[in-house]
Amino acid sequence: HALGLVRVHQGRYMEAKGAYERGLRIAPHAPEHRVGLATLALRLDQPDEALAQYDALAALRPKDGDVQLGRAYALWRLGRRAEARHALERARALGANPAVREKLARVMNSGDVREGPTSGAEPAGEGDRAGNRVDSAGSVSSP
């Protein structure tokens, strides 16, 4: 896991992926390897791979709200808006990190898939095509 983090910070993404995958083979139930792979997949614009990792994490840790936040963002990036909003609501119910949840709600409200919930930049966009809004608690409301 630590080697994967170092390689990400060095911009050596394929080496980071290899390190996370080796860690996963050695310790398949250790969540940090899947989190690393999911985060890296999002950075590499591979939300389908990120979702696969978050789904595997959700199977291992069904009551982890932060895993649901990751799922929500990956689903959002895939354009699966209703599923993303449902995952965000589940994350709220499970007590996910409020700061990250709020950032993700802003991203989802803006409609911009380029910015992530842990990104430093403020999202900009045209809003959810259905007009739904997500408040900072993760609750969804219709127009």
C-alpha atoms as a PDB file:
ATOM      1  CA  HIS A   1       0.000   0.000   0.000  1.00  0.00           C
ATOM      2  CA  ALA A   2       2.735   2.472   0.966  1.00  0.00           C
ATOM      3  CA  LEU A   3       4.652   1.817  -2.253  1.00  0.00           C
ATOM      4  CA  GLY A   4       1.494   2.476  -4.252  1.00  0.00           C
ATOM      5  CA  LEU A   5       1.058   5.838  -2.519  1.00  0.00           C
ATOM      6  CA  VAL A   6       4.671   6.791  -3.189  1.00  0.00           C
ATOM      7  CA  ARG A   7       4.336   5.866  -6.871  1.00  0.00           C
ATOM      8  CA  VAL A   8       1.124   7.907  -7.200  1.00  0.00           C
ATOM      9  CA  HIS A   9       2.842  10.953  -5.699  1.00  0.00           C
ATOM     10  CA  GLN A  10       5.698  10.447  -8.167  1.00  0.00           C
ATOM     11  CA  GLY A  11       3.221  10.324 -11.050  1.00  0.00           C
ATOM     12  CA  ARG A  12       4.203   6.722 -11.816  1.00  0.00           C
ATOM     13  CA  TYR A  13       0.642   5.462 -12.061  1.00  0.00           C
ATOM     14  CA  MET A  14       1.194   2.083 -13.685  1.00  0.00           C
ATOM     15  CA  GLU A  15       3.790   1.208 -11.050  1.00  0.00           C
ATOM     16  CA  ALA A  16       1.336   2.330  -8.376  1.00  0.00           C
ATOM     17  CA  LYS A  17      -1.337   0.100  -9.865  1.00  0.00           C
ATOM     18  CA  GLY A  18       1.066  -2.830  -9.830  1.00  0.00           C
ATOM     19  CA  ALA A  19       1.943  -2.192  -6.191  1.00  0.00           C
ATOM     20  CA  TYR A  20      -1.722  -2.060  -5.177  1.00  0.00           C
ATOM     21  CA  GLU A  21      -2.486  -5.228  -7.153  1.00  0.00           C
ATOM     22  CA  ARG A  22       0.425  -7.080  -5.508  1.00  0.00           C
ATOM     23  CA  GLY A  23      -0.821  -5.956  -2.110  1.00  0.00           C
ATOM     24  CA  LEU A  24      -4.298  -7.192  -2.973  1.00  0.00           C
ATOM     25  CA  ARG A  25      -2.951 -10.630  -3.924  1.00  0.00           C
ATOM     26  CA  ILE A  26      -1.078 -10.843  -0.625  1.00  0.00           C
ATOM     27  CA  ALA A  27      -3.902  -9.495   1.554  1.00  0.00           C
ATOM     28  CA  PRO A  28      -7.187  -9.743  -0.386  1.00  0.00           C
ATOM     29  CA  HIS A  29      -9.331  -8.552   2.525  1.00  0.00           C
ATOM     30  CA  ALA A  30      -7.227  -5.466   3.326  1.00  0.00           C
ATOM     31  CA  PRO A  31      -9.300  -2.519   2.109  1.00  0.00           C
ATOM     32  CA  GLU A  32      -6.447  -0.076   1.528  1.00  0.00           C
ATOM     33  CA  HIS A  33      -5.354  -1.843  -1.672  1.00  0.00           C
ATOM     34  CA  ARG A  34      -8.808  -1.593  -3.217  1.00  0.00           C
ATOM     35  CA  VAL A  35      -9.149   2.017  -2.085  1.00  0.00           C
ATOM     36  CA  GLY A  36      -5.823   2.760  -3.761  1.00  0.00           C
ATOM     37  CA  LEU A  37      -6.899   1.040  -6.974  1.00  0.00           C
ATOM     38  CA  ALA A  38     -10.253   2.830  -6.979  1.00  0.00           C
ATOM     39  CA  THR A  39      -8.692   6.241  -6.359  1.00  0.00           C
ATOM     40  CA  LEU A  40      -6.101   5.641  -9.050  1.00  0.00           C
ATOM     41  CA  ALA A  41      -8.773   4.491 -11.504  1.00  0.00           C
ATOM     42  CA  LEU A  42     -10.684   7.727 -10.956  1.00  0.00           C
ATOM     43  CA  ARG A  43      -7.509   9.739 -11.487  1.00  0.00           C
ATOM     44  CA  LEU A  44      -6.929   7.858 -14.757  1.00  0.00           C
ATOM     45  CA  ASP A  45     -10.532   8.519 -15.876  1.00  0.00           C
ATOM     46  CA  GLN A  46     -11.573   4.892 -15.453  1.00  0.00           C
ATOM     47  CA  PRO A  47     -14.735   5.195 -13.346  1.00  0.00           C
ATOM     48  CA  ASP A  48     -15.895   1.704 -14.350  1.00  0.00           C
ATOM     49  CA  GLU A  49     -12.782   0.193 -12.768  1.00  0.00           C
ATOM     50  CA  ALA A  50     -13.211   2.417  -9.716  1.00  0.00           C
ATOM     51  CA  LEU A  51     -16.802   1.257  -9.328  1.00  0.00           C
ATOM     52  CA  ALA A  52     -15.701  -2.379  -9.508  1.00  0.00           C
ATOM     53  CA  GLN A  53     -13.264  -1.748  -6.649  1.00  0.00           C
ATOM     54  CA  TYR A  54     -15.831   0.165  -4.581  1.00  0.00           C
ATOM     55  CA  ASP A  55     -18.395  -2.597  -5.153  1.00  0.00           C
ATOM     56  CA  ALA A  56     -15.878  -5.164  -3.904  1.00  0.00           C
ATOM     57  CA  LEU A  57     -15.202  -2.950  -0.879  1.00  0.00           C
ATOM     58  CA  ALA A  58     -18.938  -2.592  -0.235  1.00  0.00           C
ATOM     59  CA  ALA A  59     -19.246  -6.379  -0.189  1.00  0.00           C
ATOM     60  CA  LEU A  60     -16.461  -6.549   2.408  1.00  0.00           C
ATOM     61  CA  ARG A  61     -17.651  -3.525   4.413  1.00  0.00           C
ATOM     62  CA  PRO A  62     -21.385  -3.041   3.829  1.00  0.00           C
ATOM     63  CA  LYS A  63     -21.773  -0.514   6.664  1.00  0.00           C
ATOM     64  CA  ASP A  64     -18.901   1.756   5.583  1.00  0.00           C
ATOM     65  CA  GLY A  65     -20.372   5.102   4.534  1.00  0.00           C
ATOM     66  CA  ASP A  66     -17.131   6.299   2.985  1.00  0.00           C
ATOM     67  CA  VAL A  67     -17.180   3.337   0.592  1.00  0.00           C
ATOM     68  CA  GLN A  68     -20.643   4.482  -0.467  1.00  0.00           C
ATOM     69  CA  LEU A  69     -19.242   7.964  -1.132  1.00  0.00           C
ATOM     70  CA  GLY A  70     -16.708   6.431  -3.489  1.00  0.00           C
ATOM     71  CA  ARG A  71     -19.423   4.411  -5.174  1.00  0.00           C
ATOM     72  CA  ALA A  72     -21.566   7.533  -5.550  1.00  0.00           C
ATOM     73  CA  TYR A  73     -18.779   9.460  -7.246  1.00  0.00           C
ATOM     74  CA  ALA A  74     -17.849   6.591  -9.583  1.00  0.00           C
ATOM     75  CA  LEU A  75     -21.507   6.157 -10.527  1.00  0.00           C
ATOM     76  CA  TRP A  76     -21.787   9.897 -11.133  1.00  0.00           C
ATOM     77  CA  ARG A  77     -18.743   9.826 -13.395  1.00  0.00           C
ATOM     78  CA  LEU A  78     -20.368   6.975 -15.330  1.00  0.00           C
ATOM     79  CA  GLY A  79     -23.494   9.076 -15.848  1.00  0.00           C
ATOM     80  CA  ARG A  80     -25.614   6.837 -13.620  1.00  0.00           C
ATOM     81  CA  ARG A  81     -27.186   9.761 -11.775  1.00  0.00           C
ATOM     82  CA  ALA A  82     -30.080   8.054  -9.966  1.00  0.00           C
ATOM     83  CA  GLU A  83     -27.797   5.295  -8.648  1.00  0.00           C
ATOM     84  CA  ALA A  84     -25.251   7.918  -7.605  1.00  0.00           C
ATOM     85  CA  ARG A  85     -27.859   9.856  -5.628  1.00  0.00           C
ATOM     86  CA  HIS A  86     -29.021   6.630  -3.963  1.00  0.00           C
ATOM     87  CA  ALA A  87     -25.419   5.767  -2.988  1.00  0.00           C
ATOM     88  CA  LEU A  88     -24.964   9.291  -1.586  1.00  0.00           C
ATOM     89  CA  GLU A  89     -28.116   8.911   0.506  1.00  0.00           C
ATOM     90  CA  ARG A  90     -26.840   5.553   1.759  1.00  0.00           C
ATOM     91  CA  ALA A  91     -23.482   7.156   2.608  1.00  0.00           C
ATOM     92  CA  ARG A  92     -25.277   9.811   4.658  1.00  0.00           C
ATOM     93  CA  ALA A  93     -27.321   7.168   6.476  1.00  0.00           C
ATOM     94  CA  LEU A  94     -24.137   5.256   7.295  1.00  0.00           C
ATOM     95  CA  GLY A  95     -22.394   8.329   8.699  1.00  0.00           C
ATOM     96  CA  ALA A  96     -19.893   9.026   5.924  1.00  0.00           C
ATOM     97  CA  ASN A  97     -17.398  11.861   6.235  1.00  0.00           C
ATOM     98  CA  PRO A  98     -19.550  15.040   6.224  1.00  0.00           C
ATOM     99  CA  ALA A  99     -16.958  17.268   4.511  1.00  0.00           C
ATOM    100  CA  VAL A 100     -16.480  14.848   1.620  1.00  0.00           C
ATOM    101  CA  ARG A 101     -20.225  14.207   1.455  1.00  0.00           C
ATOM    102  CA  GLU A 102     -20.858  17.956   1.160  1.00  0.00           C
ATOM    103  CA  LYS A 103     -18.253  18.348  -1.578  1.00  0.00           C
ATOM    104  CA  LEU A 104     -19.759  15.447  -3.509  1.00  0.00           C
ATOM    105  CA  ALA A 105     -23.240  16.937  -3.134  1.00  0.00           C
ATOM    106  CA  ARG A 106     -21.913  20.165  -4.690  1.00  0.00           C
ATOM    107  CA  VAL A 107     -20.355  18.201  -7.558  1.00  0.00           C
ATOM    108  CA  MET A 108     -23.598  16.338  -8.141  1.00  0.00           C
ATOM    109  CA  ASN A 109     -25.604  19.566  -8.070  1.00  0.00           C
ATOM    110  CA  SER A 110     -23.255  21.235 -10.534  1.00  0.00           C
ATOM    111  CA  GLY A 111     -23.407  18.350 -13.006  1.00  0.00           C
ATOM    112  CA  ASP A 112     -19.639  18.562 -13.557  1.00  0.00           C
ATOM    113  CA  VAL A 113     -18.065  15.117 -13.697  1.00  0.00           C
ATOM    114  CA  ARG A 114     -14.532  16.506 -13.961  1.00  0.00           C
ATOM    115  CA  GLU A 115     -14.178  17.517 -10.327  1.00  0.00           C
ATOM    116  CA  GLY A 116     -14.015  14.993  -7.533  1.00  0.00           C
ATOM    117  CA  PRO A 117     -15.277  15.203  -3.984  1.00  0.00           C
ATOM    118  CA  THR A 118     -11.706  15.402  -2.687  1.00  0.00           C
ATOM    119  CA  SER A 119     -10.496  17.826  -5.365  1.00  0.00           C
ATOM    120  CA  GLY A 120      -9.427  21.296  -4.308  1.00  0.00           C
ATOM    121  CA  ALA A 121     -11.180  23.085  -7.176  1.00  0.00           C
ATOM    122  CA  GLU A 122     -14.785  24.147  -6.997  1.00  0.00           C
ATOM    123  CA  PRO A 123     -16.991  22.329  -9.497  1.00  0.00           C
ATOM    124  CA  ALA A 124     -18.771  24.255 -12.211  1.00  0.00           C
ATOM    125  CA  GLY A 125     -21.480  23.094 -14.545  1.00  0.00           C
ATOM    126  CA  GLU A 126     -25.103  23.226 -15.587  1.00  0.00           C
ATOM    127  CA  GLY A 127     -26.718  21.111 -12.887  1.00  0.00           C
ATOM    128  CA  ASP A 128     -28.394  17.746 -12.770  1.00  0.00           C
ATOM    129  CA  ARG A 129     -30.358  17.085 -15.946  1.00  0.00           C
ATOM    130  CA  ALA A 130     -33.350  15.916 -13.898  1.00  0.00           C
ATOM    131  CA  GLY A 131     -33.213  19.081 -11.793  1.00  0.00           C
ATOM    132  CA  ASN A 132     -32.681  17.144  -8.570  1.00  0.00           C
ATOM    133  CA  ARG A 133     -30.646  18.788  -5.824  1.00  0.00           C
ATOM    134  CA  VAL A 134     -28.580  17.117  -3.144  1.00  0.00           C
ATOM    135  CA  ASP A 135     -28.106  18.967   0.121  1.00  0.00           C
ATOM    136  CA  SER A 136     -24.949  18.877   2.208  1.00  0.00           C
ATOM    137  CA  ALA A 137     -26.386  16.045   4.294  1.00  0.00           C
ATOM    138  CA  GLY A 138     -26.744  13.903   1.188  1.00  0.00           C
ATOM    139  CA  SER A 139     -30.545  14.145   0.935  1.00  0.00           C
ATOM    140  CA  VAL A 140     -32.013  14.399  -2.569  1.00  0.00           C
ATOM    141  CA  SER A 141     -34.880  16.714  -3.437  1.00  0.00           C
ATOM    142  CA  SER A 142     -36.779  17.237  -6.676  1.00  0.00           C
ATOM    143  CA  PRO A 143     -37.413  20.681  -8.184  1.00  0.00           C
END
